[in-house]
Amino acid sequence: MKRALYSLDDEEFMTLLERTDGVLRSRNIPYMYVGGVATQAHIINYICKKEGTTLCELAHSNGFRIQDHLRATDDADITLDTRGISDGSSPVEAQREVMDVLREIEGEGLYTSPTSNHLVAIKLDRPGVRRPVFRLGLDTEAESPDSEVSFNLYYGPEDTNTRWPQEMMEFERQNYFDFFNTAKRISIPYCPAKNVDVNVKGIEQLLATKIARAREKDWTDLLLLHKHSLEAGEPINLDEVQKLLSAEDPKYHVPSELLMERFEKFRFLIK
């Protein structure tokens, strides 16, 4: 079944992300949006700084195509630091807390959009500790299965996707908690009267992760992130990216040749 794809300019999607941020922060659970949401947030932050305007004004501009810059998605990848809830040996408490978080995100189910021009319906359609699903509605009930947004929740270093290549799994495990120390809180100028704040993976860490994964869509994201950072006058520290990718493998105590090859490919592409 065809699913809706969302960008940060979609008010129902941004309302869900903002509520998730507020609930996690109120419960003192460190978190980061990673993957596509983090990529969108960094890119739109760069563009808004460069253009001196807001996301909504850009999205409604005749000379700007939002789809050329933001790769739409139907999910949100979220890494959690639940060490304050669980010691890792018994994750039940952390998972129980997250289930409470999901119910609180839904709350009363109806909220004002960031521009205050719409009502957004949020419905927890499928609870789950790994991949819960919400349905959204913009000035309508959250009933359509086409409006689903899945959360991919990660609780710790061992909670990696087994479909990832081995080098990517090792990279994520080695850096999982360290990346929380470099997370960035981005205040996105959404409309003239409203900024939306979210926690995202730091730009160097996000770039390194995408180089490590090296899927076709990751290369597209990498080039867009690099391009917009330069245009905004905030160039990414590529030395830091290289340092992350060249760290010694914990098992063999040597840098991964594959990750370094991918980094060199990225350097070649941006010349």
Protein backbone atom coordinates (compact mmCIF):
# COMPACT_ATOMS: atom_id res chain seq x y z
CA MET A 1 0.00 0.00 0.00
CA LYS A 2 1.29 3.46 -0.91
CA ARG A 3 2.35 5.45 2.13
CA ALA A 4 2.58 9.21 2.54
CA LEU A 5 6.09 10.59 2.49
CA TYR A 6 6.77 13.52 4.78
CA SER A 7 9.20 16.42 4.87
CA LEU A 8 9.71 18.88 7.70
CA ASP A 9 7.52 21.42 5.90
CA ASP A 10 4.55 19.06 6.38
CA GLU A 11 2.92 20.46 9.48
CA GLU A 12 1.48 17.19 10.73
CA PHE A 13 4.90 15.53 10.56
CA MET A 14 6.63 18.43 12.30
CA THR A 15 3.95 18.44 15.00
CA LEU A 16 4.67 14.76 15.71
CA LEU A 17 8.43 15.38 15.87
CA GLU A 18 8.00 18.39 18.15
CA ARG A 19 5.70 16.50 20.53
CA THR A 20 8.16 13.60 20.64
CA ASP A 21 10.95 16.04 21.52
CA GLY A 22 8.89 17.62 24.28
CA VAL A 23 7.87 14.33 25.88
CA LEU A 24 11.36 12.81 25.84
CA ARG A 25 12.92 15.96 27.26
CA SER A 26 10.27 16.24 29.98
CA ARG A 27 11.18 12.69 31.05
CA ASN A 28 14.93 13.45 30.89
CA ILE A 29 15.57 10.76 28.29
CA PRO A 30 18.48 11.85 26.06
CA TYR A 31 17.61 11.26 22.43
CA MET A 32 18.64 12.18 18.89
CA TYR A 33 16.85 12.12 15.59
CA VAL A 34 19.22 10.41 13.17
CA GLY A 35 18.89 9.25 9.56
CA GLY A 36 16.51 11.11 7.26
CA VAL A 37 14.99 13.44 9.85
CA ALA A 38 18.43 14.59 11.01
CA THR A 39 19.50 15.11 7.41
CA GLN A 40 16.42 17.20 6.66
CA ALA A 41 16.89 19.27 9.82
CA HIS A 42 20.53 20.10 9.07
CA ILE A 43 19.83 20.93 5.43
CA ILE A 44 16.84 23.18 6.09
CA ASN A 45 18.73 24.89 8.91
CA TYR A 46 21.55 25.71 6.47
CA ILE A 47 19.14 26.90 3.77
CA CYS A 48 17.13 29.12 6.13
CA LYS A 49 20.35 30.73 7.38
CA LYS A 50 21.59 31.31 3.84
CA GLU A 51 18.28 32.74 2.59
CA GLY A 52 17.42 34.61 5.80
CA THR A 53 13.89 33.23 5.83
CA THR A 54 11.69 30.50 7.33
CA LEU A 55 10.88 26.98 6.20
CA CYS A 56 7.25 27.78 5.41
CA GLU A 57 8.20 30.84 3.37
CA LEU A 58 10.65 28.71 1.40
CA ALA A 59 8.14 25.93 0.88
CA HIS A 60 5.59 28.37 -0.57
CA SER A 61 8.08 30.25 -2.71
CA ASN A 62 7.65 29.94 -6.47
CA GLY A 63 11.41 29.83 -6.93
CA PHE A 64 12.12 27.03 -4.46
CA ARG A 65 11.33 23.32 -4.84
CA ILE A 66 11.48 21.74 -1.39
CA GLN A 67 11.66 18.25 -2.91
CA ASP A 68 14.99 19.11 -4.54
CA HIS A 69 16.55 19.55 -1.11
CA LEU A 70 14.67 17.39 1.40
CA ARG A 71 14.34 13.65 0.79
CA ALA A 72 10.88 12.76 2.09
CA THR A 73 10.38 9.83 4.46
CA ASP A 74 7.66 7.82 6.19
CA ASP A 75 9.66 7.02 9.30
CA ALA A 76 11.79 8.62 12.01
CA ASP A 77 14.98 7.00 13.34
CA ILE A 78 15.52 7.82 17.01
CA THR A 79 18.46 6.76 19.19
CA LEU A 80 17.83 6.77 22.93
CA ASP A 81 20.19 6.84 25.90
CA THR A 82 18.22 4.84 28.46
CA ARG A 83 21.10 4.23 30.87
CA GLY A 84 19.32 6.35 33.47
CA ILE A 85 16.33 3.99 33.28
CA SER A 86 17.99 0.62 32.79
CA ASP A 87 21.49 -0.70 33.42
CA GLY A 88 21.38 -2.60 30.14
CA SER A 89 21.13 -6.05 31.68
CA SER A 90 17.38 -5.75 32.13
CA PRO A 91 15.86 -3.42 29.52
CA VAL A 92 12.28 -3.95 30.70
CA GLU A 93 12.11 -0.68 32.65
CA ALA A 94 13.42 1.31 29.70
CA GLN A 95 10.92 -0.31 27.36
CA ARG A 96 8.06 0.31 29.80
CA GLU A 97 9.09 3.98 30.00
CA VAL A 98 9.15 4.24 26.21
CA MET A 99 5.65 2.77 25.98
CA ASP A 100 4.50 5.51 28.35
CA VAL A 101 6.28 8.05 26.14
CA LEU A 102 4.37 6.84 23.08
CA ARG A 103 1.01 7.17 24.83
CA GLU A 104 1.93 10.67 26.02
CA ILE A 105 2.92 11.71 22.50
CA GLU A 106 -0.58 10.81 21.37
CA GLY A 107 -2.06 12.49 24.45
CA GLU A 108 -5.44 14.01 23.74
CA GLY A 109 -4.85 13.39 20.04
CA LEU A 110 -5.48 16.86 18.62
CA TYR A 111 -2.95 19.71 18.44
CA THR A 112 -2.37 23.07 16.83
CA SER A 113 0.13 22.96 13.96
CA PRO A 114 3.35 25.04 14.10
CA THR A 115 1.80 27.83 11.99
CA SER A 116 -1.43 27.69 14.07
CA ASN A 117 -3.32 27.42 10.77
CA HIS A 118 -4.29 23.76 11.13
CA LEU A 119 -5.36 21.11 13.59
CA VAL A 120 -3.18 18.01 13.64
CA ALA A 121 -4.54 14.64 14.73
CA ILE A 122 -2.05 12.16 16.21
CA LYS A 123 -3.07 8.56 16.82
CA LEU A 124 -0.85 5.78 18.20
CA ASP A 125 -1.95 3.13 15.74
CA ARG A 126 0.48 0.38 16.70
CA PRO A 127 2.34 0.49 20.04
CA GLY A 128 5.72 -1.19 20.14
CA VAL A 129 9.10 -0.91 21.82
CA ARG A 130 11.00 -1.14 18.51
CA ARG A 131 8.81 0.08 15.67
CA PRO A 132 5.66 1.84 16.84
CA VAL A 133 3.41 3.43 14.24
CA PHE A 134 1.48 6.70 14.41
CA ARG A 135 -1.23 7.91 12.08
CA LEU A 136 -1.52 11.61 11.33
CA GLY A 137 -4.27 13.87 10.11
CA LEU A 138 -4.19 17.49 8.95
CA ASP A 139 -7.59 19.05 9.57
CA THR A 140 -8.99 15.52 9.48
CA GLU A 141 -9.13 12.41 11.63
CA ALA A 142 -5.98 10.29 11.84
CA GLU A 143 -7.64 7.27 10.26
CA SER A 144 -6.02 6.78 6.86
CA PRO A 145 -3.37 4.02 6.66
CA ASP A 146 -1.68 6.18 4.03
CA SER A 147 -0.76 8.68 6.76
CA GLU A 148 1.36 6.32 8.85
CA VAL A 149 4.74 7.28 10.31
CA SER A 150 6.92 4.57 11.86
CA PHE A 151 9.45 5.18 14.60
CA ASN A 152 12.63 3.11 14.54
CA LEU A 153 13.81 3.12 18.17
CA TYR A 154 17.34 2.21 19.26
CA TYR A 155 18.18 1.73 22.94
CA GLY A 156 21.94 1.08 23.03
CA PRO A 157 25.12 -0.06 21.24
CA GLU A 158 23.96 -3.62 20.74
CA ASP A 159 20.62 -2.51 19.36
CA THR A 160 21.80 -2.31 15.76
CA ASN A 161 20.12 -3.37 12.56
CA THR A 162 21.25 -6.89 11.70
CA ARG A 163 20.71 -6.10 8.02
CA TRP A 164 23.52 -3.54 8.16
CA PRO A 165 26.94 -4.52 6.80
CA GLN A 166 29.35 -5.66 9.51
CA GLU A 167 31.54 -2.56 9.29
CA MET A 168 28.48 -0.35 9.79
CA MET A 169 27.34 -2.36 12.82
CA GLU A 170 30.79 -2.05 14.40
CA PHE A 171 30.92 1.68 13.67
CA GLU A 172 27.54 2.28 15.31
CA ARG A 173 28.32 0.12 18.34
CA GLN A 174 31.66 1.82 18.92
CA ASN A 175 30.22 5.34 18.77
CA TYR A 176 26.66 4.95 20.08
CA PHE A 177 26.99 6.77 23.41
CA ASP A 178 29.80 9.10 22.33
CA PHE A 179 27.56 10.55 19.64
CA PHE A 180 25.15 11.81 22.31
CA ASN A 181 27.91 14.14 23.52
CA THR A 182 28.00 15.83 20.12
CA ALA A 183 24.26 15.97 19.44
CA LYS A 184 23.05 19.35 18.22
CA ARG A 185 19.85 21.09 19.21
CA ILE A 186 18.61 22.83 16.08
CA SER A 187 16.07 25.61 16.26
CA ILE A 188 14.36 25.53 12.89
CA PRO A 189 12.73 28.84 11.88
CA TYR A 190 9.44 27.31 10.84
CA CYS A 191 7.36 30.43 10.30
CA PRO A 192 7.77 34.07 11.37
CA ALA A 193 6.07 33.43 14.72
CA LYS A 194 7.44 29.96 15.49
CA ASN A 195 10.73 28.06 15.79
CA VAL A 196 10.68 24.28 16.23
CA ASP A 197 13.51 22.78 18.30
CA VAL A 198 14.76 19.22 17.83
CA ASN A 199 17.83 17.21 18.88
CA VAL A 200 19.72 15.70 15.97
CA LYS A 201 22.96 13.83 15.43
CA GLY A 202 25.89 16.25 15.03
CA ILE A 203 26.75 17.08 11.45
CA GLU A 204 30.23 15.46 11.42
CA GLN A 205 28.84 12.36 13.10
CA LEU A 206 25.90 12.22 10.67
CA LEU A 207 28.23 12.58 7.70
CA ALA A 208 30.52 9.83 9.00
CA THR A 209 27.54 7.52 9.56
CA LYS A 210 26.26 8.03 6.03
CA ILE A 211 29.71 7.41 4.57
CA ALA A 212 29.87 4.19 6.59
CA ARG A 213 26.48 3.04 5.26
CA ALA A 214 27.18 4.16 1.67
CA ARG A 215 23.75 3.39 0.18
CA GLU A 216 22.77 5.26 -2.97
CA LYS A 217 20.50 7.62 -1.04
CA ASP A 218 23.29 8.24 1.49
CA TRP A 219 25.56 9.57 -1.25
CA THR A 220 22.80 11.95 -2.35
CA ASP A 221 22.37 13.14 1.25
CA LEU A 222 26.12 13.54 1.70
CA LEU A 223 26.50 15.80 -1.29
CA LEU A 224 23.49 17.92 -0.29
CA LEU A 225 24.75 18.30 3.30
CA HIS A 226 28.20 19.35 2.10
CA LYS A 227 26.82 21.76 -0.51
CA HIS A 228 24.41 23.53 1.84
CA SER A 229 26.91 23.75 4.70
CA LEU A 230 29.35 25.58 2.43
CA GLU A 231 26.66 27.90 1.09
CA ALA A 232 25.57 28.74 4.65
CA GLY A 233 29.15 29.60 5.60
CA GLU A 234 29.35 26.71 8.07
CA PRO A 235 31.64 24.16 6.39
CA ILE A 236 31.68 20.66 7.85
CA ASN A 237 34.89 19.67 9.63
CA LEU A 238 36.05 16.89 7.32
CA ASP A 239 39.10 16.23 9.48
CA GLU A 240 36.74 15.21 12.27
CA VAL A 241 34.78 13.00 9.87
CA GLN A 242 38.01 11.31 8.79
CA LYS A 243 39.04 10.84 12.41
CA LEU A 244 35.77 9.07 13.20
CA LEU A 245 36.04 6.76 10.21
CA SER A 246 39.72 5.94 10.76
CA ALA A 247 39.35 4.90 14.40
CA GLU A 248 40.80 1.50 15.20
CA ASP A 249 38.47 -1.47 15.01
CA PRO A 250 37.98 -2.77 18.60
CA LYS A 251 38.53 -6.35 17.47
CA TYR A 252 41.47 -6.09 15.06
CA HIS A 253 42.93 -2.78 16.33
CA VAL A 254 43.40 -1.33 12.87
CA PRO A 255 41.31 1.19 10.91
CA SER A 256 38.74 -0.21 8.50
CA GLU A 257 40.13 -0.06 4.96
CA LEU A 258 36.60 -0.09 3.56
CA LEU A 259 35.51 2.95 5.58
CA MET A 260 38.62 4.86 4.56
CA GLU A 261 38.01 3.97 0.90
CA ARG A 262 34.48 5.34 1.20
CA PHE A 263 35.78 8.53 2.79
CA GLU A 264 38.24 9.00 -0.08
CA LYS A 265 35.38 8.47 -2.53
CA PHE A 266 33.46 11.23 -0.79
CA ARG A 267 36.50 13.55 -0.95
CA PHE A 268 36.74 12.84 -4.68
CA LEU A 269 33.04 13.57 -5.26
CA ILE A 270 33.13 16.97 -3.61
CA LYS A 271 36.23 18.22 -5.47
